[in-house]
Amino acid sequence: MNLPTKITMSRIVAIVLMVLGLFILYVIKLVNPSFTTILLGNSGINLVFFILFIFFLIASYTDHLDGHLARKNNQVTALGKFLDPVADKLLINSMVIFLAAPAVFASYIPGAEGVAHFSVWCAIILVARDIVVDALRFIAAEKGVVIAANIFGKLKTVLEMVAICFVLLNGWPFNYFDYNWPVRISDIFVYLATLTSVISGVIYVYQNRKVLKESK
């Protein structure tokens, strides 16, 4: 196993640890209903979410690092090609699902009902789009066709990561003035990520519609 693949594996391990830590906190809250975590001053940022933010930033950077090293050192492997998109989907979709309902999954957060979160409908669309595109790639691979990422797909990933960061930080620093706005800054990025996701998904399906046809 080369270095880029090890970096990818470390990202998967980090994701598992993040989810496990969140689950442990959830269980603690069930056992001890009075359990809460602390806020960082008057920023509106919760300590747990801030730690998640740090982990997420590091994991997102390793997504760039492993691909860069693999191409630079000519260490692109079949295992790396398989694990990299898996790690990406685990990282982003697990956070999207978690942040879609912080009042449910993170009830230990003070005022969890009022913190920034992902729209449930946006979360469903984002996850569903990934499932459709991955299924399309699988069918294409069986027919020897490689589906390359388009610009909208890359933009969608960047916007998702930015949106997740803003939600984890509860909209900071914009939360000091956008509470009077009809839509938060964090919500705007969530909607932009969702719109870009839908556009990229439609483009993927349209450009590769031939792989869905049965060969005669």
N, C-alpha and C. Protein backbone atom coordinates (compact mmCIF):
# COMPACT_ATOMS: atom_id res chain seq x y z
N MET A 1 0.85 -1.19 0.00
CA MET A 1 0.00 0.00 0.00
C MET A 1 0.89 1.25 0.00
N ASN A 2 0.76 2.09 -1.03
CA ASN A 2 1.62 3.26 -1.13
C ASN A 2 1.10 4.41 -0.27
N LEU A 3 1.87 5.52 -0.23
CA LEU A 3 1.54 6.64 0.65
C LEU A 3 0.18 7.28 0.32
N PRO A 4 -0.13 7.58 -0.95
CA PRO A 4 -1.44 8.17 -1.23
C PRO A 4 -2.61 7.32 -0.75
N THR A 5 -2.48 6.00 -0.93
CA THR A 5 -3.55 5.11 -0.48
C THR A 5 -3.65 5.10 1.04
N LYS A 6 -2.50 5.18 1.72
CA LYS A 6 -2.52 5.24 3.18
C LYS A 6 -3.20 6.52 3.66
N ILE A 7 -2.96 7.62 2.95
CA ILE A 7 -3.62 8.89 3.31
C ILE A 7 -5.13 8.76 3.13
N THR A 8 -5.54 8.12 2.04
CA THR A 8 -6.97 7.89 1.81
C THR A 8 -7.57 7.04 2.90
N MET A 9 -6.84 6.00 3.30
CA MET A 9 -7.31 5.12 4.38
C MET A 9 -7.43 5.89 5.69
N SER A 10 -6.47 6.79 5.93
CA SER A 10 -6.51 7.57 7.17
C SER A 10 -7.75 8.46 7.20
N ARG A 11 -8.18 8.93 6.01
CA ARG A 11 -9.38 9.75 5.94
C ARG A 11 -10.61 8.93 6.30
N ILE A 12 -10.65 7.70 5.84
CA ILE A 12 -11.78 6.82 6.17
C ILE A 12 -11.80 6.53 7.66
N VAL A 13 -10.62 6.28 8.24
CA VAL A 13 -10.52 6.03 9.69
C VAL A 13 -11.00 7.25 10.47
N ALA A 14 -10.59 8.45 10.02
CA ALA A 14 -11.00 9.68 10.69
C ALA A 14 -12.52 9.84 10.66
N ILE A 15 -13.13 9.49 9.52
CA ILE A 15 -14.59 9.59 9.39
C ILE A 15 -15.27 8.65 10.37
N VAL A 16 -14.76 7.42 10.46
CA VAL A 16 -15.32 6.44 11.39
C VAL A 16 -15.22 6.94 12.82
N LEU A 17 -14.07 7.51 13.18
CA LEU A 17 -13.87 8.04 14.53
C LEU A 17 -14.82 9.20 14.82
N MET A 18 -15.03 10.07 13.82
CA MET A 18 -15.95 11.19 13.99
C MET A 18 -17.37 10.69 14.26
N VAL A 19 -17.83 9.76 13.44
CA VAL A 19 -19.19 9.22 13.60
C VAL A 19 -19.33 8.49 14.92
N LEU A 20 -18.29 7.73 15.30
CA LEU A 20 -18.32 6.99 16.56
C LEU A 20 -18.38 7.96 17.74
N GLY A 21 -17.59 9.03 17.67
CA GLY A 21 -17.61 10.02 18.75
C GLY A 21 -18.97 10.68 18.89
N LEU A 22 -19.60 11.02 17.77
CA LEU A 22 -20.93 11.62 17.80
C LEU A 22 -21.96 10.66 18.37
N PHE A 23 -21.83 9.37 18.03
CA PHE A 23 -22.75 8.37 18.56
C PHE A 23 -22.59 8.21 20.07
N ILE A 24 -21.34 8.24 20.53
CA ILE A 24 -21.09 8.12 21.98
C ILE A 24 -21.72 9.29 22.72
N LEU A 25 -21.59 10.50 22.17
CA LEU A 25 -22.21 11.67 22.80
C LEU A 25 -23.74 11.53 22.81
N TYR A 26 -24.28 10.96 21.75
CA TYR A 26 -25.74 10.75 21.66
C TYR A 26 -26.20 9.78 22.75
N VAL A 27 -25.44 8.72 22.95
CA VAL A 27 -25.77 7.74 23.99
C VAL A 27 -25.67 8.37 25.37
N ILE A 28 -24.63 9.17 25.57
CA ILE A 28 -24.46 9.85 26.87
C ILE A 28 -25.66 10.73 27.16
N LYS A 29 -26.16 11.43 26.14
CA LYS A 29 -27.34 12.28 26.32
C LYS A 29 -28.56 11.46 26.68
N LEU A 30 -28.69 10.25 26.09
CA LEU A 30 -29.82 9.39 26.41
C LEU A 30 -29.76 8.93 27.87
N VAL A 31 -28.55 8.59 28.31
CA VAL A 31 -28.36 8.11 29.69
C VAL A 31 -28.48 9.24 30.69
N ASN A 32 -27.93 10.40 30.31
CA ASN A 32 -27.94 11.56 31.20
C ASN A 32 -28.57 12.75 30.47
N PRO A 33 -29.89 12.92 30.54
CA PRO A 33 -30.58 13.98 29.81
C PRO A 33 -30.07 15.39 30.10
N SER A 34 -29.42 15.58 31.24
CA SER A 34 -28.93 16.91 31.59
C SER A 34 -27.58 17.23 30.94
N PHE A 35 -27.02 16.26 30.23
CA PHE A 35 -25.71 16.45 29.61
C PHE A 35 -25.79 17.45 28.45
N THR A 36 -24.91 18.45 28.46
CA THR A 36 -24.80 19.41 27.35
C THR A 36 -23.33 19.73 27.13
N THR A 37 -23.03 20.23 25.96
CA THR A 37 -21.66 20.66 25.66
C THR A 37 -21.60 22.19 25.75
N ILE A 38 -20.43 22.75 25.61
CA ILE A 38 -20.26 24.18 25.87
C ILE A 38 -20.19 24.98 24.57
N LEU A 39 -20.54 26.25 24.66
CA LEU A 39 -20.42 27.18 23.54
C LEU A 39 -19.11 27.95 23.66
N LEU A 40 -18.54 28.30 22.53
CA LEU A 40 -17.30 29.06 22.52
C LEU A 40 -17.62 30.55 22.60
N GLY A 41 -17.65 31.06 23.80
CA GLY A 41 -17.95 32.47 24.02
C GLY A 41 -19.33 32.84 23.50
N ASN A 42 -19.43 33.99 22.87
CA ASN A 42 -20.71 34.43 22.30
C ASN A 42 -20.74 34.26 20.79
N SER A 43 -19.90 33.35 20.28
CA SER A 43 -19.79 33.13 18.83
C SER A 43 -20.94 32.30 18.28
N GLY A 44 -21.64 31.57 19.16
CA GLY A 44 -22.69 30.67 18.71
C GLY A 44 -22.16 29.34 18.24
N ILE A 45 -20.83 29.16 18.32
CA ILE A 45 -20.20 27.91 17.88
C ILE A 45 -20.11 26.95 19.06
N ASN A 46 -20.56 25.72 18.85
CA ASN A 46 -20.46 24.70 19.88
C ASN A 46 -19.10 24.00 19.80
N LEU A 47 -18.56 23.63 20.95
CA LEU A 47 -17.24 23.00 20.99
C LEU A 47 -17.19 21.72 20.17
N VAL A 48 -18.24 20.90 20.25
CA VAL A 48 -18.27 19.65 19.49
C VAL A 48 -18.23 19.93 18.00
N PHE A 49 -19.04 20.88 17.55
CA PHE A 49 -19.07 21.22 16.14
C PHE A 49 -17.75 21.85 15.70
N PHE A 50 -17.11 22.60 16.58
CA PHE A 50 -15.81 23.19 16.24
C PHE A 50 -14.75 22.10 16.04
N ILE A 51 -14.77 21.10 16.91
CA ILE A 51 -13.83 19.97 16.75
C ILE A 51 -14.11 19.23 15.45
N LEU A 52 -15.41 19.05 15.14
CA LEU A 52 -15.78 18.42 13.88
C LEU A 52 -15.28 19.25 12.69
N PHE A 53 -15.38 20.56 12.83
CA PHE A 53 -14.91 21.47 11.78
C PHE A 53 -13.42 21.26 11.51
N ILE A 54 -12.61 21.16 12.56
CA ILE A 54 -11.17 20.94 12.41
C ILE A 54 -10.91 19.61 11.72
N PHE A 55 -11.60 18.54 12.19
CA PHE A 55 -11.44 17.22 11.58
C PHE A 55 -11.84 17.27 10.10
N PHE A 56 -12.93 17.96 9.82
CA PHE A 56 -13.44 18.03 8.46
C PHE A 56 -12.47 18.77 7.54
N LEU A 57 -11.88 19.86 8.03
CA LEU A 57 -10.90 20.59 7.23
C LEU A 57 -9.70 19.71 6.89
N ILE A 58 -9.20 19.00 7.89
CA ILE A 58 -8.03 18.13 7.67
C ILE A 58 -8.38 17.02 6.68
N ALA A 59 -9.55 16.41 6.88
CA ALA A 59 -9.98 15.33 5.99
C ALA A 59 -10.18 15.84 4.57
N SER A 60 -10.73 17.04 4.43
CA SER A 60 -10.93 17.62 3.10
C SER A 60 -9.59 17.90 2.42
N TYR A 61 -8.61 18.33 3.19
CA TYR A 61 -7.29 18.58 2.61
C TYR A 61 -6.63 17.28 2.14
N THR A 62 -6.79 16.21 2.91
CA THR A 62 -6.20 14.93 2.50
C THR A 62 -6.81 14.43 1.20
N ASP A 63 -8.07 14.87 0.92
CA ASP A 63 -8.70 14.50 -0.35
C ASP A 63 -7.91 15.07 -1.52
N HIS A 64 -7.41 16.28 -1.35
CA HIS A 64 -6.56 16.90 -2.39
C HIS A 64 -5.16 16.29 -2.36
N LEU A 65 -4.65 16.06 -1.15
CA LEU A 65 -3.25 15.63 -1.01
C LEU A 65 -3.00 14.25 -1.61
N ASP A 66 -3.89 13.28 -1.34
CA ASP A 66 -3.63 11.92 -1.83
C ASP A 66 -3.65 11.87 -3.35
N GLY A 67 -4.59 12.59 -3.97
CA GLY A 67 -4.64 12.62 -5.44
C GLY A 67 -3.42 13.30 -6.04
N HIS A 68 -2.99 14.40 -5.40
CA HIS A 68 -1.81 15.13 -5.88
C HIS A 68 -0.56 14.26 -5.82
N LEU A 69 -0.37 13.57 -4.70
CA LEU A 69 0.82 12.72 -4.55
C LEU A 69 0.78 11.53 -5.49
N ALA A 70 -0.42 10.96 -5.68
CA ALA A 70 -0.54 9.80 -6.56
C ALA A 70 -0.17 10.16 -8.00
N ARG A 71 -0.63 11.33 -8.46
CA ARG A 71 -0.31 11.75 -9.83
C ARG A 71 1.15 12.18 -9.95
N LYS A 72 1.64 12.90 -8.94
CA LYS A 72 3.01 13.42 -8.99
C LYS A 72 4.04 12.29 -8.99
N ASN A 73 3.82 11.28 -8.15
CA ASN A 73 4.78 10.18 -8.00
C ASN A 73 4.41 8.95 -8.83
N ASN A 74 3.43 9.11 -9.71
CA ASN A 74 2.99 8.01 -10.56
C ASN A 74 2.62 6.78 -9.71
N GLN A 75 1.81 7.02 -8.69
CA GLN A 75 1.41 5.95 -7.77
C GLN A 75 -0.10 5.72 -7.80
N VAL A 76 -0.70 5.98 -8.95
CA VAL A 76 -2.14 5.74 -9.09
C VAL A 76 -2.39 4.24 -9.17
N THR A 77 -3.21 3.72 -8.27
CA THR A 77 -3.50 2.29 -8.21
C THR A 77 -5.00 2.05 -8.29
N ALA A 78 -5.37 0.81 -8.59
CA ALA A 78 -6.79 0.44 -8.66
C ALA A 78 -7.44 0.59 -7.28
N LEU A 79 -6.69 0.21 -6.22
CA LEU A 79 -7.22 0.34 -4.86
C LEU A 79 -7.45 1.81 -4.52
N GLY A 80 -6.51 2.67 -4.90
CA GLY A 80 -6.66 4.09 -4.63
C GLY A 80 -7.85 4.68 -5.37
N LYS A 81 -8.04 4.28 -6.63
CA LYS A 81 -9.18 4.77 -7.41
C LYS A 81 -10.50 4.34 -6.79
N PHE A 82 -10.51 3.16 -6.17
CA PHE A 82 -11.73 2.66 -5.53
C PHE A 82 -11.99 3.37 -4.20
N LEU A 83 -10.93 3.52 -3.39
CA LEU A 83 -11.10 4.06 -2.04
C LEU A 83 -11.35 5.56 -2.02
N ASP A 84 -10.75 6.30 -2.95
CA ASP A 84 -10.86 7.76 -2.92
C ASP A 84 -12.30 8.25 -3.03
N PRO A 85 -13.08 7.83 -4.02
CA PRO A 85 -14.47 8.30 -4.07
C PRO A 85 -15.31 7.78 -2.91
N VAL A 86 -14.98 6.57 -2.41
CA VAL A 86 -15.69 6.04 -1.26
C VAL A 86 -15.48 6.93 -0.04
N ALA A 87 -14.21 7.33 0.17
CA ALA A 87 -13.89 8.22 1.30
C ALA A 87 -14.58 9.57 1.14
N ASP A 88 -14.62 10.09 -0.08
CA ASP A 88 -15.28 11.38 -0.33
C ASP A 88 -16.76 11.31 0.03
N LYS A 89 -17.43 10.25 -0.45
CA LYS A 89 -18.87 10.12 -0.20
C LYS A 89 -19.14 9.92 1.29
N LEU A 90 -18.31 9.12 1.97
CA LEU A 90 -18.48 8.90 3.40
C LEU A 90 -18.31 10.21 4.17
N LEU A 91 -17.28 10.96 3.80
CA LEU A 91 -16.99 12.21 4.49
C LEU A 91 -18.14 13.21 4.35
N ILE A 92 -18.52 13.48 3.11
CA ILE A 92 -19.52 14.53 2.86
C ILE A 92 -20.92 14.09 3.24
N ASN A 93 -21.33 12.91 2.79
CA ASN A 93 -22.72 12.49 3.03
C ASN A 93 -23.01 12.20 4.50
N SER A 94 -22.03 11.68 5.24
CA SER A 94 -22.25 11.44 6.67
C SER A 94 -22.45 12.76 7.40
N MET A 95 -21.68 13.80 7.00
CA MET A 95 -21.83 15.10 7.63
C MET A 95 -23.14 15.76 7.23
N VAL A 96 -23.53 15.61 5.96
CA VAL A 96 -24.79 16.19 5.48
C VAL A 96 -25.97 15.59 6.25
N ILE A 97 -25.97 14.26 6.40
CA ILE A 97 -27.06 13.59 7.11
C ILE A 97 -27.10 14.01 8.57
N PHE A 98 -25.92 14.07 9.19
CA PHE A 98 -25.85 14.47 10.60
C PHE A 98 -26.35 15.89 10.80
N LEU A 99 -25.94 16.79 9.92
CA LEU A 99 -26.30 18.21 10.07
C LEU A 99 -27.71 18.52 9.58
N ALA A 100 -28.38 17.55 8.96
CA ALA A 100 -29.75 17.77 8.51
C ALA A 100 -30.72 17.82 9.69
N ALA A 101 -30.34 17.18 10.79
CA ALA A 101 -31.24 17.15 11.95
C ALA A 101 -30.42 17.20 13.25
N PRO A 102 -29.75 18.33 13.51
CA PRO A 102 -28.92 18.42 14.73
C PRO A 102 -29.74 18.27 16.00
N ALA A 103 -31.02 18.66 15.96
CA ALA A 103 -31.85 18.53 17.15
C ALA A 103 -32.08 17.06 17.50
N VAL A 104 -31.97 16.17 16.50
CA VAL A 104 -32.17 14.73 16.71
C VAL A 104 -30.85 14.05 17.02
N PHE A 105 -29.85 14.24 16.13
CA PHE A 105 -28.58 13.55 16.27
C PHE A 105 -27.64 14.22 17.27
N ALA A 106 -27.85 15.51 17.52
CA ALA A 106 -26.97 16.25 18.44
C ALA A 106 -27.80 17.02 19.45
N SER A 107 -28.68 16.31 20.13
CA SER A 107 -29.56 16.96 21.11
C SER A 107 -28.79 17.49 22.31
N TYR A 108 -27.53 17.11 22.43
CA TYR A 108 -26.69 17.60 23.53
C TYR A 108 -26.18 19.01 23.25
N ILE A 109 -26.41 19.52 22.03
CA ILE A 109 -26.02 20.88 21.68
C ILE A 109 -27.04 21.85 22.27
N PRO A 110 -26.62 22.82 23.09
CA PRO A 110 -27.57 23.80 23.63
C PRO A 110 -28.33 24.51 22.52
N GLY A 111 -29.66 24.48 22.61
CA GLY A 111 -30.48 25.14 21.60
C GLY A 111 -30.32 24.53 20.23
N ALA A 112 -30.23 23.19 20.16
CA ALA A 112 -29.98 22.51 18.89
C ALA A 112 -31.03 22.83 17.83
N GLU A 113 -32.25 23.17 18.28
CA GLU A 113 -33.29 23.48 17.30
C GLU A 113 -33.00 24.76 16.53
N GLY A 114 -32.21 25.65 17.13
CA GLY A 114 -31.98 26.95 16.49
C GLY A 114 -30.66 27.09 15.78
N VAL A 115 -29.81 26.06 15.82
CA VAL A 115 -28.49 26.18 15.19
C VAL A 115 -28.63 26.00 13.68
N ALA A 116 -27.62 26.48 12.95
CA ALA A 116 -27.61 26.30 11.50
C ALA A 116 -27.63 24.82 11.16
N HIS A 117 -28.34 24.46 10.12
CA HIS A 117 -28.44 23.06 9.73
C HIS A 117 -28.68 22.94 8.24
N PHE A 118 -28.51 21.72 7.73
CA PHE A 118 -28.82 21.43 6.34
C PHE A 118 -30.31 21.20 6.20
N SER A 119 -30.91 21.76 5.17
CA SER A 119 -32.30 21.45 4.86
C SER A 119 -32.42 19.95 4.62
N VAL A 120 -33.42 19.31 5.22
CA VAL A 120 -33.61 17.87 5.05
C VAL A 120 -33.82 17.54 3.57
N TRP A 121 -34.58 18.38 2.87
CA TRP A 121 -34.83 18.14 1.45
C TRP A 121 -33.55 18.25 0.65
N CYS A 122 -32.71 19.22 1.00
CA CYS A 122 -31.42 19.36 0.31
C CYS A 122 -30.53 18.14 0.58
N ALA A 123 -30.55 17.66 1.81
CA ALA A 123 -29.75 16.49 2.16
C ALA A 123 -30.20 15.27 1.35
N ILE A 124 -31.51 15.08 1.22
CA ILE A 124 -32.04 13.95 0.45
C ILE A 124 -31.61 14.06 -1.00
N ILE A 125 -31.71 15.26 -1.57
CA ILE A 125 -31.33 15.46 -2.97
C ILE A 125 -29.85 15.20 -3.18
N LEU A 126 -29.01 15.70 -2.28
CA LEU A 126 -27.56 15.52 -2.41
C LEU A 126 -27.16 14.05 -2.35
N VAL A 127 -27.73 13.33 -1.38
CA VAL A 127 -27.39 11.91 -1.24
C VAL A 127 -27.94 11.11 -2.42
N ALA A 128 -29.18 11.41 -2.83
CA ALA A 128 -29.79 10.70 -3.96
C ALA A 128 -29.01 10.92 -5.24
N ARG A 129 -28.54 12.15 -5.45
CA ARG A 129 -27.77 12.45 -6.65
C ARG A 129 -26.50 11.61 -6.69
N ASP A 130 -25.81 11.50 -5.56
CA ASP A 130 -24.58 10.71 -5.51
C ASP A 130 -24.86 9.24 -5.82
N ILE A 131 -25.97 8.73 -5.31
CA ILE A 131 -26.33 7.33 -5.57
C ILE A 131 -26.57 7.10 -7.06
N VAL A 132 -27.30 8.03 -7.70
CA VAL A 132 -27.60 7.91 -9.13
C VAL A 132 -26.32 7.97 -9.96
N VAL A 133 -25.46 8.94 -9.67
CA VAL A 133 -24.22 9.10 -10.44
C VAL A 133 -23.29 7.90 -10.23
N ASP A 134 -23.20 7.40 -9.00
CA ASP A 134 -22.35 6.23 -8.73
C ASP A 134 -22.88 5.00 -9.46
N ALA A 135 -24.20 4.85 -9.50
CA ALA A 135 -24.80 3.73 -10.23
C ALA A 135 -24.50 3.85 -11.72
N LEU A 136 -24.57 5.07 -12.25
CA LEU A 136 -24.26 5.31 -13.66
C LEU A 136 -22.80 4.98 -13.95
N ARG A 137 -21.91 5.37 -13.05
CA ARG A 137 -20.49 5.06 -13.23
C ARG A 137 -20.24 3.55 -13.21
N PHE A 138 -20.97 2.85 -12.35
CA PHE A 138 -20.81 1.39 -12.26
C PHE A 138 -21.24 0.73 -13.57
N ILE A 139 -22.39 1.15 -14.11
CA ILE A 139 -22.87 0.59 -15.37
C ILE A 139 -21.90 0.90 -16.50
N ALA A 140 -21.40 2.16 -16.49
CA ALA A 140 -20.45 2.57 -17.53
C ALA A 140 -19.16 1.76 -17.44
N ALA A 141 -18.69 1.50 -16.22
CA ALA A 141 -17.44 0.75 -16.04
C ALA A 141 -17.58 -0.67 -16.58
N GLU A 142 -18.77 -1.25 -16.41
CA GLU A 142 -19.00 -2.60 -16.93
C GLU A 142 -18.90 -2.64 -18.44
N LYS A 143 -19.18 -1.50 -19.09
CA LYS A 143 -19.13 -1.42 -20.54
C LYS A 143 -17.82 -0.80 -21.02
N GLY A 144 -16.88 -0.62 -20.09
CA GLY A 144 -15.57 -0.10 -20.46
C GLY A 144 -15.54 1.39 -20.70
N VAL A 145 -16.53 2.12 -20.18
CA VAL A 145 -16.60 3.56 -20.37
C VAL A 145 -16.22 4.25 -19.05
N VAL A 146 -15.32 5.22 -19.14
CA VAL A 146 -14.90 5.98 -17.96
C VAL A 146 -15.62 7.33 -17.97
N ILE A 147 -16.35 7.62 -16.89
CA ILE A 147 -17.06 8.89 -16.78
C ILE A 147 -16.20 9.86 -15.98
N ALA A 148 -15.68 10.86 -16.65
CA ALA A 148 -14.82 11.84 -15.99
C ALA A 148 -15.67 12.88 -15.27
N ALA A 149 -15.11 13.43 -14.20
CA ALA A 149 -15.81 14.47 -13.45
C ALA A 149 -15.92 15.74 -14.28
N ASN A 150 -17.11 16.36 -14.26
CA ASN A 150 -17.25 17.62 -14.99
C ASN A 150 -17.08 18.79 -14.03
N ILE A 151 -17.05 19.99 -14.58
CA ILE A 151 -16.78 21.18 -13.77
C ILE A 151 -17.87 21.40 -12.72
N PHE A 152 -19.13 21.05 -13.07
CA PHE A 152 -20.20 21.21 -12.10
C PHE A 152 -20.08 20.22 -10.95
N GLY A 153 -19.58 19.01 -11.25
CA GLY A 153 -19.37 18.03 -10.20
C GLY A 153 -18.31 18.47 -9.21
N LYS A 154 -17.22 19.06 -9.75
CA LYS A 154 -16.16 19.56 -8.88
C LYS A 154 -16.65 20.77 -8.07
N LEU A 155 -17.41 21.65 -8.73
CA LEU A 155 -17.94 22.82 -8.04
C LEU A 155 -18.93 22.40 -6.95
N LYS A 156 -19.70 21.39 -7.23
CA LYS A 156 -20.66 20.87 -6.25
C LYS A 156 -19.94 20.38 -4.99
N THR A 157 -18.83 19.67 -5.18
CA THR A 157 -18.07 19.17 -4.03
C THR A 157 -17.51 20.32 -3.19
N VAL A 158 -16.96 21.34 -3.88
CA VAL A 158 -16.41 22.50 -3.17
C VAL A 158 -17.51 23.22 -2.39
N LEU A 159 -18.66 23.45 -3.03
CA LEU A 159 -19.76 24.15 -2.37
C LEU A 159 -20.30 23.36 -1.19
N GLU A 160 -20.35 22.03 -1.32
CA GLU A 160 -20.79 21.19 -0.20
C GLU A 160 -19.85 21.33 0.98
N MET A 161 -18.55 21.31 0.71
CA MET A 161 -17.57 21.44 1.78
C MET A 161 -17.67 22.80 2.46
N VAL A 162 -17.84 23.86 1.66
CA VAL A 162 -17.99 25.20 2.22
C VAL A 162 -19.26 25.28 3.06
N ALA A 163 -20.35 24.72 2.54
CA ALA A 163 -21.63 24.75 3.26
C ALA A 163 -21.52 24.00 4.58
N ILE A 164 -20.87 22.84 4.57
CA ILE A 164 -20.70 22.07 5.80
C ILE A 164 -19.89 22.86 6.82
N CYS A 165 -18.83 23.53 6.36
CA CYS A 165 -18.01 24.33 7.28
C CYS A 165 -18.83 25.44 7.92
N PHE A 166 -19.63 26.16 7.12
CA PHE A 166 -20.45 27.24 7.66
C PHE A 166 -21.49 26.71 8.64
N VAL A 167 -22.08 25.56 8.33
CA VAL A 167 -23.09 24.99 9.24
C VAL A 167 -22.44 24.57 10.55
N LEU A 168 -21.27 23.94 10.47
CA LEU A 168 -20.57 23.52 11.69
C LEU A 168 -20.21 24.72 12.56
N LEU A 169 -19.91 25.85 11.91
CA LEU A 169 -19.56 27.07 12.65
C LEU A 169 -20.80 27.92 12.94
N ASN A 170 -21.97 27.36 12.69
CA ASN A 170 -23.25 28.04 12.95
C ASN A 170 -23.33 29.39 12.23
N GLY A 171 -22.77 29.41 11.01
CA GLY A 171 -22.83 30.63 10.20
C GLY A 171 -21.79 31.67 10.55
N TRP A 172 -20.90 31.38 11.49
CA TRP A 172 -19.87 32.35 11.89
C TRP A 172 -18.96 32.66 10.70
N PRO A 173 -18.54 33.90 10.50
CA PRO A 173 -18.81 35.11 11.31
C PRO A 173 -20.07 35.86 10.89
N PHE A 174 -20.79 35.35 9.89
CA PHE A 174 -21.96 36.07 9.38
C PHE A 174 -23.14 36.02 10.34
N ASN A 175 -23.08 35.08 11.32
CA ASN A 175 -24.22 34.94 12.24
C ASN A 175 -24.40 36.16 13.15
N TYR A 176 -23.44 37.07 13.15
CA TYR A 176 -23.57 38.26 13.98
C TYR A 176 -24.58 39.25 13.40
N PHE A 177 -24.84 39.14 12.10
CA PHE A 177 -25.79 40.09 11.51
C PHE A 177 -26.85 39.44 10.62
N ASP A 178 -26.69 38.16 10.24
CA ASP A 178 -27.66 37.59 9.31
C ASP A 178 -28.86 36.95 10.00
N TYR A 179 -28.94 37.07 11.35
CA TYR A 179 -30.10 36.49 12.03
C TYR A 179 -31.39 37.26 11.72
N ASN A 180 -31.25 38.48 11.22
CA ASN A 180 -32.43 39.26 10.81
C ASN A 180 -32.80 39.05 9.35
N TRP A 181 -31.97 38.29 8.63
CA TRP A 181 -32.23 38.05 7.22
C TRP A 181 -33.22 36.89 7.07
N PRO A 182 -33.97 36.86 5.98
CA PRO A 182 -34.89 35.73 5.77
C PRO A 182 -34.15 34.41 5.51
N VAL A 183 -32.90 34.51 5.00
CA VAL A 183 -32.10 33.31 4.73
C VAL A 183 -30.69 33.54 5.27
N ARG A 184 -30.16 32.54 5.99
CA ARG A 184 -28.80 32.64 6.51
C ARG A 184 -27.78 32.44 5.39
N ILE A 185 -26.57 32.95 5.63
CA ILE A 185 -25.47 32.74 4.69
C ILE A 185 -25.21 31.24 4.53
N SER A 186 -25.25 30.50 5.63
CA SER A 186 -25.02 29.05 5.56
C SER A 186 -26.08 28.38 4.71
N ASP A 187 -27.34 28.85 4.80
CA ASP A 187 -28.42 28.27 3.98
C ASP A 187 -28.19 28.54 2.50
N ILE A 188 -27.68 29.74 2.19
CA ILE A 188 -27.42 30.08 0.79
C ILE A 188 -26.43 29.10 0.17
N PHE A 189 -25.36 28.77 0.91
CA PHE A 189 -24.39 27.82 0.40
C PHE A 189 -24.97 26.42 0.29
N VAL A 190 -25.85 26.05 1.21
CA VAL A 190 -26.53 24.75 1.14
C VAL A 190 -27.37 24.68 -0.13
N TYR A 191 -28.13 25.74 -0.41
CA TYR A 191 -28.97 25.75 -1.61
C TYR A 191 -28.13 25.77 -2.89
N LEU A 192 -27.04 26.53 -2.88
CA LEU A 192 -26.16 26.58 -4.05
C LEU A 192 -25.55 25.20 -4.32
N ALA A 193 -25.11 24.53 -3.25
CA ALA A 193 -24.54 23.19 -3.40
C ALA A 193 -25.57 22.22 -3.96
N THR A 194 -26.81 22.33 -3.49
CA THR A 194 -27.87 21.44 -3.95
C THR A 194 -28.20 21.70 -5.42
N LEU A 195 -28.32 22.98 -5.79
CA LEU A 195 -28.61 23.33 -7.18
C LEU A 195 -27.51 22.84 -8.12
N THR A 196 -26.26 23.07 -7.73
CA THR A 196 -25.12 22.63 -8.55
C THR A 196 -25.09 21.11 -8.64
N SER A 197 -25.45 20.45 -7.55
CA SER A 197 -25.49 18.99 -7.52
C SER A 197 -26.49 18.45 -8.53
N VAL A 198 -27.68 19.06 -8.56
CA VAL A 198 -28.72 18.62 -9.49
C VAL A 198 -28.27 18.86 -10.93
N ILE A 199 -27.70 20.04 -11.19
CA ILE A 199 -27.24 20.37 -12.55
C ILE A 199 -26.17 19.37 -13.01
N SER A 200 -25.20 19.10 -12.15
CA SER A 200 -24.13 18.18 -12.52
C SER A 200 -24.68 16.78 -12.73
N GLY A 201 -25.64 16.36 -11.90
CA GLY A 201 -26.24 15.03 -12.06
C GLY A 201 -26.97 14.89 -13.38
N VAL A 202 -27.74 15.91 -13.75
CA VAL A 202 -28.47 15.89 -15.02
C VAL A 202 -27.48 15.83 -16.19
N ILE A 203 -26.39 16.60 -16.10
CA ILE A 203 -25.39 16.59 -17.16
C ILE A 203 -24.74 15.22 -17.28
N TYR A 204 -24.39 14.61 -16.14
CA TYR A 204 -23.79 13.27 -16.16
C TYR A 204 -24.71 12.28 -16.87
N VAL A 205 -25.99 12.28 -16.50
CA VAL A 205 -26.93 11.32 -17.08
C VAL A 205 -27.14 11.59 -18.57
N TYR A 206 -27.29 12.87 -18.93
CA TYR A 206 -27.54 13.21 -20.33
C TYR A 206 -26.33 12.86 -21.22
N GLN A 207 -25.13 13.24 -20.77
CA GLN A 207 -23.94 13.00 -21.58
C GLN A 207 -23.61 11.52 -21.71
N ASN A 208 -24.06 10.71 -20.75
CA ASN A 208 -23.73 9.29 -20.76
C ASN A 208 -24.98 8.42 -20.89
N ARG A 209 -26.03 8.98 -21.50
CA ARG A 209 -27.29 8.25 -21.63
C ARG A 209 -27.16 6.98 -22.46
N LYS A 210 -26.14 6.95 -23.33
CA LYS A 210 -25.96 5.77 -24.18
C LYS A 210 -25.61 4.52 -23.39
N VAL A 211 -24.93 4.70 -22.23
CA VAL A 211 -24.54 3.51 -21.45
C VAL A 211 -25.75 2.87 -20.78
N LEU A 212 -26.87 3.59 -20.75
CA LEU A 212 -28.09 3.03 -20.15
C LEU A 212 -28.90 2.22 -21.14
N LYS A 213 -28.53 2.34 -22.42
CA LYS A 213 -29.26 1.58 -23.44
C LYS A 213 -28.72 0.16 -23.54
N GLU A 214 -29.61 -0.79 -23.69
CA GLU A 214 -29.21 -2.17 -23.85
C GLU A 214 -28.58 -2.37 -25.22
N SER A 215 -27.44 -3.02 -25.23
CA SER A 215 -26.78 -3.31 -26.52
C SER A 215 -27.52 -4.42 -27.24
N LYS A 216 -27.66 -4.27 -28.54
CA LYS A 216 -28.41 -5.26 -29.31
C LYS A 216 -27.51 -6.42 -29.71
